[in-house]
Amino acid sequence: MADIEIPISFSEDFKNVINQKLSDPDFKYQDWSNEDLFPLRRYIRNYYRDLTKKCVYCRKDVSLQSANNCHVEHIISKSSDPLKFIFEPKNLCVLCSDCNEIKKDKEVEDKILKRNKQYRRYPNSSDSFLIVHPHFDNYDEHIFKCEDIYIDLTPKGSYTIYICKLNRKIHKFGIEPVLLSQSELYDLFNAIMNETNFTKQNMLFNKLRAYFIKSS
């Protein structure tokens, strides 16, 4: 089951605004930030913020009111193929400021799809993307998250961790990313997440701390 099952739908008024923009030969992707699109951006932001409540990449909370830590994300960058998917519902979601700044316009499409410059419809399957796509993928099937540590479960999870630098907090403290893929660490995280006894869980956390000290 995908993380986002129901993409946003637009009212007739918003559809008119979108059609007007897409038919304007002078409209550029940079105009996304123009004042006249503010109501549409706010509607998109509020819809996906209320739906997911978290950044689709790092799974951390986005701001509840401010737009400063709740950005509208274009999964296929609006600058990579101007106008084509800038208003496409399945290309939209929300993300935090850090992921927004780090991901930017990095490539997310499958290489075969990327080479086909003429495709007109938005890709409609998970296989079309290198990144974990919230409209097609279940995040937990690709990335295991425990606090500020992210472990890839699939190549798609690995690529998402890479282009969004999801282990950025870990790296700041000098823990090498190679440690995060070792089976011992993954099994330890699983044990922590599945343990319901507080005392036993605390013992596992101590083992986790010792693991990093031993491996550093």
Protein backbone atom coordinates (compact mmCIF):
# COMPACT_ATOMS: atom_id res chain seq x y z
CA MET A 1 0.00 0.00 0.00
CA ALA A 2 1.43 3.36 -1.04
CA ASP A 3 1.95 6.07 1.58
CA ILE A 4 -0.30 8.44 -0.39
CA GLU A 5 -3.34 6.65 -1.76
CA ILE A 6 -5.43 9.65 -2.78
CA PRO A 7 -3.62 12.39 -4.71
CA ILE A 8 -4.92 15.92 -4.56
CA SER A 9 -7.81 16.95 -6.80
CA PHE A 10 -8.40 20.50 -7.96
CA SER A 11 -11.58 22.56 -8.05
CA GLU A 12 -12.75 24.01 -11.33
CA ASP A 13 -11.35 27.39 -10.33
CA PHE A 14 -7.94 25.90 -9.68
CA LYS A 15 -8.11 23.91 -12.90
CA ASN A 16 -8.75 27.13 -14.78
CA VAL A 17 -5.72 28.73 -13.15
CA ILE A 18 -3.57 25.71 -14.05
CA ASN A 19 -4.77 25.59 -17.65
CA GLN A 20 -4.17 29.29 -18.01
CA LYS A 21 -0.61 28.95 -16.77
CA LEU A 22 0.20 25.93 -18.93
CA SER A 23 -1.17 27.62 -22.04
CA ASP A 24 0.81 30.78 -21.43
CA PRO A 25 3.98 30.64 -23.59
CA ASP A 26 5.74 32.97 -21.17
CA PHE A 27 5.09 30.82 -18.12
CA LYS A 28 8.33 29.36 -16.70
CA TYR A 29 8.94 26.94 -13.86
CA GLN A 30 10.46 29.83 -11.88
CA ASP A 31 6.99 31.42 -11.88
CA TRP A 32 5.81 28.72 -9.50
CA SER A 33 6.67 31.14 -6.68
CA ASN A 34 4.67 34.05 -8.10
CA GLU A 35 2.12 35.72 -5.89
CA ASP A 36 -0.83 34.81 -8.09
CA LEU A 37 -0.16 31.09 -7.47
CA PHE A 38 -0.08 31.52 -3.70
CA PRO A 39 -3.65 30.21 -3.12
CA LEU A 40 -2.92 27.13 -5.21
CA ARG A 41 0.39 26.46 -3.46
CA ARG A 42 -1.27 26.85 -0.07
CA TYR A 43 -4.04 24.45 -1.06
CA ILE A 44 -1.50 21.84 -2.22
CA ARG A 45 0.62 22.30 0.89
CA ASN A 46 -2.32 22.02 3.27
CA TYR A 47 -3.73 18.97 1.54
CA TYR A 48 -0.54 16.92 1.67
CA ARG A 49 0.50 18.26 5.07
CA ASP A 50 -2.82 17.16 6.57
CA LEU A 51 -2.55 13.82 4.77
CA THR A 52 1.01 12.81 5.64
CA LYS A 53 1.90 15.13 8.54
CA LYS A 54 5.56 14.33 7.86
CA CYS A 55 8.30 14.86 5.31
CA VAL A 56 7.92 12.07 2.75
CA TYR A 57 11.69 11.40 2.70
CA CYS A 58 13.01 11.68 6.27
CA ARG A 59 9.65 11.04 7.98
CA LYS A 60 10.20 13.89 10.42
CA ASP A 61 7.41 16.30 11.32
CA VAL A 62 6.75 19.25 9.06
CA SER A 63 5.51 22.57 10.46
CA LEU A 64 1.80 22.73 11.18
CA GLN A 65 1.24 26.35 10.17
CA SER A 66 4.35 27.88 8.65
CA ALA A 67 5.51 27.15 5.13
CA ASN A 68 9.14 27.46 6.23
CA ASN A 69 9.44 23.80 7.16
CA CYS A 70 6.71 22.43 4.93
CA HIS A 71 7.61 22.86 1.27
CA VAL A 72 5.64 21.66 -1.71
CA GLU A 73 7.77 18.97 -3.31
CA HIS A 74 7.92 18.23 -7.03
CA ILE A 75 9.19 14.66 -7.07
CA ILE A 76 10.27 15.03 -10.68
CA SER A 77 11.81 18.45 -10.41
CA LYS A 78 9.85 21.29 -11.98
CA SER A 79 13.13 22.47 -13.50
CA SER A 80 14.07 19.15 -15.12
CA ASP A 81 11.28 19.25 -17.66
CA PRO A 82 9.62 22.66 -17.40
CA LEU A 83 5.84 22.77 -17.10
CA LYS A 84 5.15 19.14 -17.93
CA PHE A 85 4.48 17.88 -14.40
CA ILE A 86 4.53 21.07 -12.37
CA PHE A 87 0.84 20.70 -11.41
CA GLU A 88 0.57 16.91 -11.69
CA PRO A 89 -1.09 15.62 -8.46
CA LYS A 90 1.05 12.46 -8.28
CA ASN A 91 4.19 14.55 -8.60
CA LEU A 92 3.32 16.58 -5.50
CA CYS A 93 3.75 16.07 -1.76
CA VAL A 94 5.41 17.94 1.12
CA LEU A 95 8.89 17.75 2.59
CA CYS A 96 10.97 19.43 5.27
CA SER A 97 13.42 22.27 4.72
CA ASP A 98 16.53 20.07 4.97
CA CYS A 99 15.32 17.49 2.44
CA ASN A 100 14.11 20.29 0.19
CA GLU A 101 17.52 21.96 0.18
CA ILE A 102 19.46 18.72 -0.22
CA LYS A 103 17.37 16.91 -2.83
CA LYS A 104 16.78 19.93 -5.06
CA ASP A 105 16.57 18.81 -8.70
CA LYS A 106 18.43 15.51 -8.44
CA GLU A 107 17.46 12.77 -10.87
CA VAL A 108 14.68 10.47 -9.70
CA GLU A 109 13.48 8.78 -12.89
CA ASP A 110 14.54 5.37 -14.10
CA LYS A 111 17.33 5.64 -16.69
CA ILE A 112 15.28 4.06 -19.48
CA LEU A 113 12.42 6.46 -18.79
CA LYS A 114 14.84 9.37 -18.56
CA ARG A 115 16.19 8.61 -22.01
CA ASN A 116 12.67 8.70 -23.43
CA LYS A 117 12.31 12.46 -23.54
CA GLN A 118 8.99 12.31 -25.37
CA TYR A 119 6.83 10.63 -22.75
CA ARG A 120 3.78 12.81 -22.22
CA ARG A 121 1.96 11.20 -19.32
CA TYR A 122 3.23 11.06 -15.80
CA PRO A 123 4.82 7.65 -15.05
CA ASN A 124 2.29 5.49 -13.28
CA SER A 125 4.35 2.79 -11.57
CA SER A 126 6.97 2.40 -8.89
CA ASP A 127 9.40 0.84 -11.38
CA SER A 128 9.65 4.16 -13.21
CA PHE A 129 11.44 5.80 -10.29
CA LEU A 130 14.80 5.41 -8.59
CA ILE A 131 13.52 7.09 -5.44
CA VAL A 132 10.93 5.92 -2.93
CA HIS A 133 7.82 7.52 -4.41
CA PRO A 134 5.07 8.27 -1.85
CA HIS A 135 2.29 7.79 -4.42
CA PHE A 136 3.51 4.35 -5.51
CA ASP A 137 5.64 2.95 -2.69
CA ASN A 138 5.35 1.91 0.93
CA TYR A 139 8.24 3.66 2.68
CA ASP A 140 8.70 0.90 5.26
CA GLU A 141 9.34 -1.67 2.54
CA HIS A 142 12.37 0.28 1.34
CA ILE A 143 13.80 2.11 4.36
CA PHE A 144 14.08 1.08 7.99
CA LYS A 145 14.11 4.14 10.27
CA CYS A 146 15.02 4.19 13.94
CA GLU A 147 15.31 7.65 15.45
CA ASP A 148 17.88 9.44 13.25
CA ILE A 149 19.28 6.31 11.63
CA TYR A 150 18.13 5.08 8.20
CA ILE A 151 18.93 1.65 6.79
CA ASP A 152 18.28 0.75 3.17
CA LEU A 153 16.20 -2.37 2.57
CA THR A 154 16.18 -2.06 -1.23
CA PRO A 155 18.20 -0.29 -3.94
CA LYS A 156 15.42 2.29 -4.12
CA GLY A 157 15.73 2.87 -0.38
CA SER A 158 19.49 3.21 -0.73
CA TYR A 159 19.15 5.81 -3.47
CA THR A 160 16.62 7.81 -1.45
CA ILE A 161 18.92 7.81 1.57
CA TYR A 162 21.77 8.92 -0.70
CA ILE A 163 20.15 11.82 -2.58
CA CYS A 164 18.42 13.20 0.52
CA LYS A 165 21.39 12.51 2.83
CA LEU A 166 18.99 11.03 5.36
CA ASN A 167 21.79 9.93 7.67
CA ARG A 168 23.06 13.52 7.83
CA LYS A 169 22.78 13.71 11.62
CA ILE A 170 24.68 10.46 12.06
CA HIS A 171 27.44 11.59 9.70
CA LYS A 172 27.87 14.79 11.69
CA PHE A 173 28.92 12.69 14.66
CA GLY A 174 31.46 10.72 12.67
CA ILE A 175 29.69 7.38 12.28
CA GLU A 176 30.59 5.83 8.94
CA PRO A 177 27.60 5.03 6.70
CA VAL A 178 29.01 1.57 5.92
CA LEU A 179 28.07 0.50 9.44
CA LEU A 180 24.42 1.13 8.74
CA SER A 181 24.10 -1.71 6.25
CA GLN A 182 25.52 -4.48 8.41
CA SER A 183 23.06 -7.24 9.29
CA GLU A 184 24.01 -7.13 12.97
CA LEU A 185 22.90 -3.52 13.21
CA TYR A 186 19.68 -4.19 11.31
CA ASP A 187 18.81 -7.14 13.58
CA LEU A 188 19.51 -5.01 16.63
CA PHE A 189 17.17 -2.27 15.44
CA ASN A 190 14.46 -4.82 14.75
CA ALA A 191 14.84 -6.22 18.25
CA ILE A 192 14.54 -2.73 19.75
CA MET A 193 11.43 -1.91 17.75
CA ASN A 194 9.73 -5.22 18.59
CA GLU A 195 10.58 -5.32 22.30
CA THR A 196 7.72 -4.19 24.54
CA ASN A 197 9.47 -4.65 27.87
CA PHE A 198 11.06 -1.34 28.85
CA THR A 199 13.96 -2.90 30.78
CA LYS A 200 14.87 -5.26 27.95
CA GLN A 201 14.52 -2.48 25.39
CA ASN A 202 16.87 -0.29 27.43
CA MET A 203 19.40 -3.14 27.52
CA LEU A 204 19.19 -3.37 23.73
CA PHE A 205 19.75 0.39 23.43
CA ASN A 206 22.86 0.00 25.59
CA LYS A 207 24.04 -2.73 23.25
CA LEU A 208 23.41 -0.38 20.33
CA ARG A 209 25.50 2.35 21.95
CA ALA A 210 28.27 -0.15 22.63
CA TYR A 211 28.10 -1.28 19.00
CA PHE A 212 28.83 2.22 17.74
CA ILE A 213 31.60 2.77 20.26
CA LYS A 214 33.17 -0.56 19.26
CA SER A 215 32.83 0.19 15.54
CA SER A 216 34.00 3.80 15.55
